[in-house]
Amino acid sequence: MSERTFTIEDLKRILLEGAGAEEGVDLDGDILDTEFEELGYESLALLETGGRIEREYGISLDDDVFTDNRTPRSLVTAINTQLETLVAP
């Protein structure tokens, strides 16, 4: 089984597909450490994003994944940690 990783590009794609982008927010800029709320993504948009990640990557995210991980960098790390448990022996 090949190891699958979740990247910032994956996150940006899923955010745009699910909720679009707030006017004036450049997701191609340096957003790794910017809180989702500052990027214009509130709870409903993040729930949609979480559902898309779960379906695409075959994982189940904790209900508090977005409250515990308020920035793209933190969320990407958390999702990759969960993906690693799927391929661990």
PDB file of N, CA and C in Angstrom:
ATOM      1  N   MET A   1       0.841  -1.178   0.000  1.00  0.00           N
ATOM      2  CA  MET A   1       0.000   0.000   0.000  1.00  0.00           C
ATOM      3  C   MET A   1       0.887   1.243   0.000  1.00  0.00           C
ATOM      4  N   SER A   2       0.626   2.188  -0.904  1.00  0.00           N
ATOM      5  CA  SER A   2       1.445   3.383  -0.946  1.00  0.00           C
ATOM      6  C   SER A   2       0.961   4.371   0.107  1.00  0.00           C
ATOM      7  N   GLU A   3       1.901   5.118   0.638  1.00  0.00           N
ATOM      8  CA  GLU A   3       1.563   6.092   1.664  1.00  0.00           C
ATOM      9  C   GLU A   3       0.966   7.326   1.000  1.00  0.00           C
ATOM     10  N   ARG A   4      -0.160   7.757   1.484  1.00  0.00           N
ATOM     11  CA  ARG A   4      -0.834   8.923   0.938  1.00  0.00           C
ATOM     12  C   ARG A   4      -0.646  10.087   1.897  1.00  0.00           C
ATOM     13  N   THR A   5      -0.326  11.229   1.350  1.00  0.00           N
ATOM     14  CA  THR A   5      -0.149  12.404   2.196  1.00  0.00           C
ATOM     15  C   THR A   5      -1.143  13.485   1.802  1.00  0.00           C
ATOM     16  N   PHE A   6      -1.412  14.350   2.746  1.00  0.00           N
ATOM     17  CA  PHE A   6      -2.317  15.473   2.570  1.00  0.00           C
ATOM     18  C   PHE A   6      -1.460  16.723   2.567  1.00  0.00           C
ATOM     19  N   THR A   7      -1.572  17.533   1.530  1.00  0.00           N
ATOM     20  CA  THR A   7      -0.726  18.716   1.389  1.00  0.00           C
ATOM     21  C   THR A   7      -1.544  19.996   1.515  1.00  0.00           C
ATOM     22  N   ILE A   8      -0.845  21.096   1.614  1.00  0.00           N
ATOM     23  CA  ILE A   8      -1.521  22.393   1.647  1.00  0.00           C
ATOM     24  C   ILE A   8      -2.276  22.611   0.338  1.00  0.00           C
ATOM     25  N   GLU A   9      -1.750  22.106  -0.765  1.00  0.00           N
ATOM     26  CA  GLU A   9      -2.444  22.235  -2.046  1.00  0.00           C
ATOM     27  C   GLU A   9      -3.758  21.452  -2.037  1.00  0.00           C
ATOM     28  N   ASP A  10      -3.746  20.275  -1.408  1.00  0.00           N
ATOM     29  CA  ASP A  10      -4.982  19.495  -1.261  1.00  0.00           C
ATOM     30  C   ASP A  10      -6.004  20.280  -0.447  1.00  0.00           C
ATOM     31  N   LEU A  11      -5.548  20.869   0.646  1.00  0.00           N
ATOM     32  CA  LEU A  11      -6.449  21.637   1.498  1.00  0.00           C
ATOM     33  C   LEU A  11      -7.032  22.829   0.749  1.00  0.00           C
ATOM     34  N   LYS A  12      -6.201  23.554   0.031  1.00  0.00           N
ATOM     35  CA  LYS A  12      -6.696  24.717  -0.718  1.00  0.00           C
ATOM     36  C   LYS A  12      -7.726  24.297  -1.760  1.00  0.00           C
ATOM     37  N   ARG A  13      -7.460  23.205  -2.440  1.00  0.00           N
ATOM     38  CA  ARG A  13      -8.399  22.706  -3.447  1.00  0.00           C
ATOM     39  C   ARG A  13      -9.742  22.364  -2.811  1.00  0.00           C
ATOM     40  N   ILE A  14      -9.708  21.657  -1.695  1.00  0.00           N
ATOM     41  CA  ILE A  14     -10.938  21.237  -1.018  1.00  0.00           C
ATOM     42  C   ILE A  14     -11.685  22.446  -0.454  1.00  0.00           C
ATOM     43  N   LEU A  15     -10.962  23.410   0.112  1.00  0.00           N
ATOM     44  CA  LEU A  15     -11.612  24.626   0.608  1.00  0.00           C
ATOM     45  C   LEU A  15     -12.330  25.352  -0.523  1.00  0.00           C
ATOM     46  N   LEU A  16     -11.665  25.489  -1.657  1.00  0.00           N
ATOM     47  CA  LEU A  16     -12.265  26.193  -2.795  1.00  0.00           C
ATOM     48  C   LEU A  16     -13.461  25.443  -3.362  1.00  0.00           C
ATOM     49  N   GLU A  17     -13.351  24.113  -3.457  1.00  0.00           N
ATOM     50  CA  GLU A  17     -14.462  23.309  -3.976  1.00  0.00           C
ATOM     51  C   GLU A  17     -15.679  23.394  -3.063  1.00  0.00           C
ATOM     52  N   GLY A  18     -15.441  23.373  -1.761  1.00  0.00           N
ATOM     53  CA  GLY A  18     -16.543  23.313  -0.807  1.00  0.00           C
ATOM     54  C   GLY A  18     -17.143  24.651  -0.444  1.00  0.00           C
ATOM     55  N   ALA A  19     -16.307  25.677  -0.346  1.00  0.00           N
ATOM     56  CA  ALA A  19     -16.814  26.944   0.165  1.00  0.00           C
ATOM     57  C   ALA A  19     -16.363  28.159  -0.634  1.00  0.00           C
ATOM     58  N   GLY A  20     -15.541  27.958  -1.635  1.00  0.00           N
ATOM     59  CA  GLY A  20     -15.043  29.098  -2.386  1.00  0.00           C
ATOM     60  C   GLY A  20     -14.016  29.860  -1.569  1.00  0.00           C
ATOM     61  N   ALA A  21     -13.754  31.100  -1.960  1.00  0.00           N
ATOM     62  CA  ALA A  21     -12.787  31.935  -1.248  1.00  0.00           C
ATOM     63  C   ALA A  21     -13.416  33.289  -0.957  1.00  0.00           C
ATOM     64  N   GLU A  22     -13.154  33.787   0.207  1.00  0.00           N
ATOM     65  CA  GLU A  22     -13.613  35.105   0.617  1.00  0.00           C
ATOM     66  C   GLU A  22     -12.987  36.157  -0.294  1.00  0.00           C
ATOM     67  N   GLU A  23     -13.765  37.145  -0.670  1.00  0.00           N
ATOM     68  CA  GLU A  23     -13.229  38.215  -1.500  1.00  0.00           C
ATOM     69  C   GLU A  23     -12.052  38.875  -0.789  1.00  0.00           C
ATOM     70  N   GLY A  24     -10.973  39.065  -1.502  1.00  0.00           N
ATOM     71  CA  GLY A  24      -9.782  39.688  -0.931  1.00  0.00           C
ATOM     72  C   GLY A  24      -8.819  38.709  -0.290  1.00  0.00           C
ATOM     73  N   VAL A  25      -9.176  37.418  -0.242  1.00  0.00           N
ATOM     74  CA  VAL A  25      -8.286  36.408   0.336  1.00  0.00           C
ATOM     75  C   VAL A  25      -7.603  35.659  -0.794  1.00  0.00           C
ATOM     76  N   ASP A  26      -6.287  35.628  -0.748  1.00  0.00           N
ATOM     77  CA  ASP A  26      -5.497  34.940  -1.762  1.00  0.00           C
ATOM     78  C   ASP A  26      -4.977  33.635  -1.164  1.00  0.00           C
ATOM     79  N   LEU A  27      -5.625  32.530  -1.501  1.00  0.00           N
ATOM     80  CA  LEU A  27      -5.196  31.239  -0.958  1.00  0.00           C
ATOM     81  C   LEU A  27      -3.850  30.812  -1.507  1.00  0.00           C
ATOM     82  N   ASP A  28      -3.382  31.468  -2.562  1.00  0.00           N
ATOM     83  CA  ASP A  28      -2.061  31.151  -3.093  1.00  0.00           C
ATOM     84  C   ASP A  28      -0.963  31.903  -2.354  1.00  0.00           C
ATOM     85  N   GLY A  29      -1.338  32.797  -1.457  1.00  0.00           N
ATOM     86  CA  GLY A  29      -0.370  33.528  -0.654  1.00  0.00           C
ATOM     87  C   GLY A  29       0.119  32.668   0.507  1.00  0.00           C
ATOM     88  N   ASP A  30       0.813  33.300   1.422  1.00  0.00           N
ATOM     89  CA  ASP A  30       1.358  32.609   2.593  1.00  0.00           C
ATOM     90  C   ASP A  30       0.269  32.487   3.650  1.00  0.00           C
ATOM     91  N   ILE A  31      -0.483  31.379   3.597  1.00  0.00           N
ATOM     92  CA  ILE A  31      -1.626  31.199   4.503  1.00  0.00           C
ATOM     93  C   ILE A  31      -1.396  30.138   5.568  1.00  0.00           C
ATOM     94  N   LEU A  32      -0.248  29.485   5.550  1.00  0.00           N
ATOM     95  CA  LEU A  32      -0.021  28.341   6.440  1.00  0.00           C
ATOM     96  C   LEU A  32      -0.328  28.637   7.903  1.00  0.00           C
ATOM     97  N   ASP A  33       0.020  29.821   8.366  1.00  0.00           N
ATOM     98  CA  ASP A  33      -0.160  30.136   9.785  1.00  0.00           C
ATOM     99  C   ASP A  33      -1.252  31.170  10.035  1.00  0.00           C
ATOM    100  N   THR A  34      -2.131  31.346   9.061  1.00  0.00           N
ATOM    101  CA  THR A  34      -3.262  32.258   9.198  1.00  0.00           C
ATOM    102  C   THR A  34      -4.475  31.454   9.645  1.00  0.00           C
ATOM    103  N   GLU A  35      -5.160  31.918  10.682  1.00  0.00           N
ATOM    104  CA  GLU A  35      -6.321  31.177  11.181  1.00  0.00           C
ATOM    105  C   GLU A  35      -7.420  31.137  10.125  1.00  0.00           C
ATOM    106  N   PHE A  36      -8.141  30.013  10.104  1.00  0.00           N
ATOM    107  CA  PHE A  36      -9.210  29.831   9.125  1.00  0.00           C
ATOM    108  C   PHE A  36     -10.216  30.978   9.171  1.00  0.00           C
ATOM    109  N   GLU A  37     -10.540  31.448  10.356  1.00  0.00           N
ATOM    110  CA  GLU A  37     -11.505  32.534  10.488  1.00  0.00           C
ATOM    111  C   GLU A  37     -11.015  33.792   9.766  1.00  0.00           C
ATOM    112  N   GLU A  38      -9.717  34.090   9.871  1.00  0.00           N
ATOM    113  CA  GLU A  38      -9.146  35.237   9.165  1.00  0.00           C
ATOM    114  C   GLU A  38      -9.192  35.047   7.651  1.00  0.00           C
ATOM    115  N   LEU A  39      -9.198  33.793   7.204  1.00  0.00           N
ATOM    116  CA  LEU A  39      -9.278  33.491   5.775  1.00  0.00           C
ATOM    117  C   LEU A  39     -10.721  33.506   5.274  1.00  0.00           C
ATOM    118  N   GLY A  40     -11.659  33.696   6.204  1.00  0.00           N
ATOM    119  CA  GLY A  40     -13.065  33.764   5.831  1.00  0.00           C
ATOM    120  C   GLY A  40     -13.809  32.449   5.939  1.00  0.00           C
ATOM    121  N   TYR A  41     -13.203  31.454   6.566  1.00  0.00           N
ATOM    122  CA  TYR A  41     -13.845  30.142   6.711  1.00  0.00           C
ATOM    123  C   TYR A  41     -14.346  29.975   8.137  1.00  0.00           C
ATOM    124  N   GLU A  42     -15.668  29.950   8.270  1.00  0.00           N
ATOM    125  CA  GLU A  42     -16.272  29.763   9.580  1.00  0.00           C
ATOM    126  C   GLU A  42     -16.757  28.329   9.709  1.00  0.00           C
ATOM    127  N   SER A  43     -17.453  28.035  10.779  1.00  0.00           N
ATOM    128  CA  SER A  43     -17.768  26.654  11.146  1.00  0.00           C
ATOM    129  C   SER A  43     -18.471  25.851  10.054  1.00  0.00           C
ATOM    130  N   LEU A  44     -19.452  26.407   9.389  1.00  0.00           N
ATOM    131  CA  LEU A  44     -20.169  25.655   8.366  1.00  0.00           C
ATOM    132  C   LEU A  44     -19.252  25.279   7.196  1.00  0.00           C
ATOM    133  N   ALA A  45     -18.439  26.213   6.757  1.00  0.00           N
ATOM    134  CA  ALA A  45     -17.492  25.935   5.670  1.00  0.00           C
ATOM    135  C   ALA A  45     -16.471  24.883   6.094  1.00  0.00           C
ATOM    136  N   LEU A  46     -16.050  24.943   7.347  1.00  0.00           N
ATOM    137  CA  LEU A  46     -15.067  23.968   7.830  1.00  0.00           C
ATOM    138  C   LEU A  46     -15.691  22.585   7.988  1.00  0.00           C
ATOM    139  N   LEU A  47     -16.964  22.522   8.377  1.00  0.00           N
ATOM    140  CA  LEU A  47     -17.648  21.226   8.445  1.00  0.00           C
ATOM    141  C   LEU A  47     -17.714  20.584   7.055  1.00  0.00           C
ATOM    142  N   GLU A  48     -18.036  21.397   6.058  1.00  0.00           N
ATOM    143  CA  GLU A  48     -18.071  20.908   4.680  1.00  0.00           C
ATOM    144  C   GLU A  48     -16.679  20.439   4.243  1.00  0.00           C
ATOM    145  N   THR A  49     -15.670  21.202   4.596  1.00  0.00           N
ATOM    146  CA  THR A  49     -14.292  20.835   4.262  1.00  0.00           C
ATOM    147  C   THR A  49     -13.927  19.511   4.931  1.00  0.00           C
ATOM    148  N   GLY A  50     -14.276  19.370   6.205  1.00  0.00           N
ATOM    149  CA  GLY A  50     -13.990  18.132   6.924  1.00  0.00           C
ATOM    150  C   GLY A  50     -14.655  16.930   6.281  1.00  0.00           C
ATOM    151  N   GLY A  51     -15.914  17.091   5.881  1.00  0.00           N
ATOM    152  CA  GLY A  51     -16.632  16.002   5.224  1.00  0.00           C
ATOM    153  C   GLY A  51     -15.974  15.599   3.913  1.00  0.00           C
ATOM    154  N   ARG A  52     -15.528  16.577   3.164  1.00  0.00           N
ATOM    155  CA  ARG A  52     -14.850  16.288   1.891  1.00  0.00           C
ATOM    156  C   ARG A  52     -13.527  15.564   2.120  1.00  0.00           C
ATOM    157  N   ILE A  53     -12.791  15.988   3.139  1.00  0.00           N
ATOM    158  CA  ILE A  53     -11.522  15.319   3.462  1.00  0.00           C
ATOM    159  C   ILE A  53     -11.791  13.873   3.863  1.00  0.00           C
ATOM    160  N   GLU A  54     -12.795  13.664   4.707  1.00  0.00           N
ATOM    161  CA  GLU A  54     -13.125  12.303   5.143  1.00  0.00           C
ATOM    162  C   GLU A  54     -13.460  11.405   3.960  1.00  0.00           C
ATOM    163  N   ARG A  55     -14.290  11.891   3.058  1.00  0.00           N
ATOM    164  CA  ARG A  55     -14.693  11.074   1.909  1.00  0.00           C
ATOM    165  C   ARG A  55     -13.523  10.805   0.966  1.00  0.00           C
ATOM    166  N   GLU A  56     -12.749  11.818   0.694  1.00  0.00           N
ATOM    167  CA  GLU A  56     -11.661  11.661  -0.271  1.00  0.00           C
ATOM    168  C   GLU A  56     -10.516  10.805   0.260  1.00  0.00           C
ATOM    169  N   TYR A  57     -10.244  10.900   1.554  1.00  0.00           N
ATOM    170  CA  TYR A  57      -9.092  10.202   2.131  1.00  0.00           C
ATOM    171  C   TYR A  57      -9.468   8.974   2.951  1.00  0.00           C
ATOM    172  N   GLY A  58     -10.749   8.692   3.090  1.00  0.00           N
ATOM    173  CA  GLY A  58     -11.180   7.495   3.790  1.00  0.00           C
ATOM    174  C   GLY A  58     -10.834   7.490   5.265  1.00  0.00           C
ATOM    175  N   ILE A  59     -10.927   8.660   5.887  1.00  0.00           N
ATOM    176  CA  ILE A  59     -10.640   8.760   7.317  1.00  0.00           C
ATOM    177  C   ILE A  59     -11.847   9.354   8.031  1.00  0.00           C
ATOM    178  N   SER A  60     -11.834   9.252   9.345  1.00  0.00           N
ATOM    179  CA  SER A  60     -12.880   9.849  10.166  1.00  0.00           C
ATOM    180  C   SER A  60     -12.209  10.885  11.063  1.00  0.00           C
ATOM    181  N   LEU A  61     -12.608  12.145  10.913  1.00  0.00           N
ATOM    182  CA  LEU A  61     -12.008  13.222  11.699  1.00  0.00           C
ATOM    183  C   LEU A  61     -12.780  13.418  12.997  1.00  0.00           C
ATOM    184  N   ASP A  62     -12.053  13.728  14.059  1.00  0.00           N
ATOM    185  CA  ASP A  62     -12.688  14.052  15.334  1.00  0.00           C
ATOM    186  C   ASP A  62     -13.516  15.315  15.171  1.00  0.00           C
ATOM    187  N   ASP A  63     -14.558  15.435  15.967  1.00  0.00           N
ATOM    188  CA  ASP A  63     -15.420  16.612  15.906  1.00  0.00           C
ATOM    189  C   ASP A  63     -14.662  17.907  16.182  1.00  0.00           C
ATOM    190  N   ASP A  64     -13.609  17.815  16.984  1.00  0.00           N
ATOM    191  CA  ASP A  64     -12.874  19.021  17.365  1.00  0.00           C
ATOM    192  C   ASP A  64     -11.623  19.273  16.527  1.00  0.00           C
ATOM    193  N   VAL A  65     -11.513  18.610  15.379  1.00  0.00           N
ATOM    194  CA  VAL A  65     -10.291  18.756  14.571  1.00  0.00           C
ATOM    195  C   VAL A  65     -10.059  20.204  14.151  1.00  0.00           C
ATOM    196  N   PHE A  66     -11.107  20.949  13.863  1.00  0.00           N
ATOM    197  CA  PHE A  66     -10.921  22.338  13.429  1.00  0.00           C
ATOM    198  C   PHE A  66     -10.758  23.302  14.604  1.00  0.00           C
ATOM    199  N   THR A  67     -11.314  22.959  15.758  1.00  0.00           N
ATOM    200  CA  THR A  67     -11.086  23.828  16.915  1.00  0.00           C
ATOM    201  C   THR A  67      -9.695  23.615  17.487  1.00  0.00           C
ATOM    202  N   ASP A  68      -9.180  22.404  17.362  1.00  0.00           N
ATOM    203  CA  ASP A  68      -7.821  22.107  17.824  1.00  0.00           C
ATOM    204  C   ASP A  68      -6.763  22.558  16.819  1.00  0.00           C
ATOM    205  N   ASN A  69      -7.138  22.685  15.568  1.00  0.00           N
ATOM    206  CA  ASN A  69      -6.198  23.027  14.498  1.00  0.00           C
ATOM    207  C   ASN A  69      -6.763  24.213  13.734  1.00  0.00           C
ATOM    208  N   ARG A  70      -6.415  25.395  14.169  1.00  0.00           N
ATOM    209  CA  ARG A  70      -7.030  26.623  13.653  1.00  0.00           C
ATOM    210  C   ARG A  70      -6.327  27.207  12.429  1.00  0.00           C
ATOM    211  N   THR A  71      -5.203  26.611  12.024  1.00  0.00           N
ATOM    212  CA  THR A  71      -4.480  27.109  10.856  1.00  0.00           C
ATOM    213  C   THR A  71      -4.294  25.980   9.848  1.00  0.00           C
ATOM    214  N   PRO A  72      -4.100  26.328   8.589  1.00  0.00           N
ATOM    215  CA  PRO A  72      -3.848  25.288   7.588  1.00  0.00           C
ATOM    216  C   PRO A  72      -2.658  24.391   7.940  1.00  0.00           C
ATOM    217  N   ARG A  73      -1.561  24.969   8.431  1.00  0.00           N
ATOM    218  CA  ARG A  73      -0.386  24.160   8.771  1.00  0.00           C
ATOM    219  C   ARG A  73      -0.726  23.098   9.807  1.00  0.00           C
ATOM    220  N   SER A  74      -1.411  23.509  10.841  1.00  0.00           N
ATOM    221  CA  SER A  74      -1.782  22.600  11.918  1.00  0.00           C
ATOM    222  C   SER A  74      -2.739  21.518  11.421  1.00  0.00           C
ATOM    223  N   LEU A  75      -3.711  21.902  10.598  1.00  0.00           N
ATOM    224  CA  LEU A  75      -4.670  20.925  10.089  1.00  0.00           C
ATOM    225  C   LEU A  75      -4.007  19.913   9.172  1.00  0.00           C
ATOM    226  N   VAL A  76      -3.134  20.369   8.281  1.00  0.00           N
ATOM    227  CA  VAL A  76      -2.423  19.450   7.384  1.00  0.00           C
ATOM    228  C   VAL A  76      -1.623  18.437   8.202  1.00  0.00           C
ATOM    229  N   THR A  77      -0.954  18.905   9.247  1.00  0.00           N
ATOM    230  CA  THR A  77      -0.181  18.008  10.116  1.00  0.00           C
ATOM    231  C   THR A  77      -1.089  16.991  10.796  1.00  0.00           C
ATOM    232  N   ALA A  78      -2.219  17.444  11.319  1.00  0.00           N
ATOM    233  CA  ALA A  78      -3.153  16.544  12.011  1.00  0.00           C
ATOM    234  C   ALA A  78      -3.704  15.485  11.062  1.00  0.00           C
ATOM    235  N   ILE A  79      -4.043  15.873   9.846  1.00  0.00           N
ATOM    236  CA  ILE A  79      -4.588  14.910   8.888  1.00  0.00           C
ATOM    237  C   ILE A  79      -3.519  13.916   8.470  1.00  0.00           C
ATOM    238  N   ASN A  80      -2.298  14.377   8.257  1.00  0.00           N
ATOM    239  CA  ASN A  80      -1.223  13.450   7.897  1.00  0.00           C
ATOM    240  C   ASN A  80      -0.909  12.484   9.035  1.00  0.00           C
ATOM    241  N   THR A  81      -1.018  12.950  10.264  1.00  0.00           N
ATOM    242  CA  THR A  81      -0.821  12.050  11.410  1.00  0.00           C
ATOM    243  C   THR A  81      -1.878  10.952  11.393  1.00  0.00           C
ATOM    244  N   GLN A  82      -3.108  11.329  11.086  1.00  0.00           N
ATOM    245  CA  GLN A  82      -4.174  10.332  11.021  1.00  0.00           C
ATOM    246  C   GLN A  82      -3.973   9.384   9.835  1.00  0.00           C
ATOM    247  N   LEU A  83      -3.536   9.914   8.713  1.00  0.00           N
ATOM    248  CA  LEU A  83      -3.288   9.056   7.536  1.00  0.00           C
ATOM    249  C   LEU A  83      -2.171   8.045   7.816  1.00  0.00           C
ATOM    250  N   GLU A  84      -1.174   8.461   8.590  1.00  0.00           N
ATOM    251  CA  GLU A  84      -0.071   7.559   8.938  1.00  0.00           C
ATOM    252  C   GLU A  84      -0.576   6.356   9.727  1.00  0.00           C
ATOM    253  N   THR A  85      -1.604   6.538  10.539  1.00  0.00           N
ATOM    254  CA  THR A  85      -2.131   5.407  11.322  1.00  0.00           C
ATOM    255  C   THR A  85      -2.812   4.379  10.420  1.00  0.00           C
ATOM    256  N   LEU A  86      -3.265   4.825   9.233  1.00  0.00           N
ATOM    257  CA  LEU A  86      -3.898   3.888   8.307  1.00  0.00           C
ATOM    258  C   LEU A  86      -2.897   2.952   7.641  1.00  0.00           C
ATOM    259  N   VAL A  87      -1.648   3.420   7.475  1.00  0.00           N
ATOM    260  CA  VAL A  87      -0.650   2.594   6.778  1.00  0.00           C
ATOM    261  C   VAL A  87       0.332   1.941   7.745  1.00  0.00           C
ATOM    262  N   ALA A  88       0.230   2.277   9.029  1.00  0.00           N
ATOM    263  CA  ALA A  88       1.129   1.671  10.008  1.00  0.00           C
ATOM    264  C   ALA A  88       0.817   0.188  10.158  1.00  0.00           C
ATOM    265  N   PRO A  89       1.850  -0.618  10.325  1.00  0.00           N
ATOM    266  CA  PRO A  89       1.622  -2.079  10.461  1.00  0.00           C
ATOM    267  C   PRO A  89       0.898  -2.442  11.732  1.00  0.00           C
TER     268      PRO A  89
END
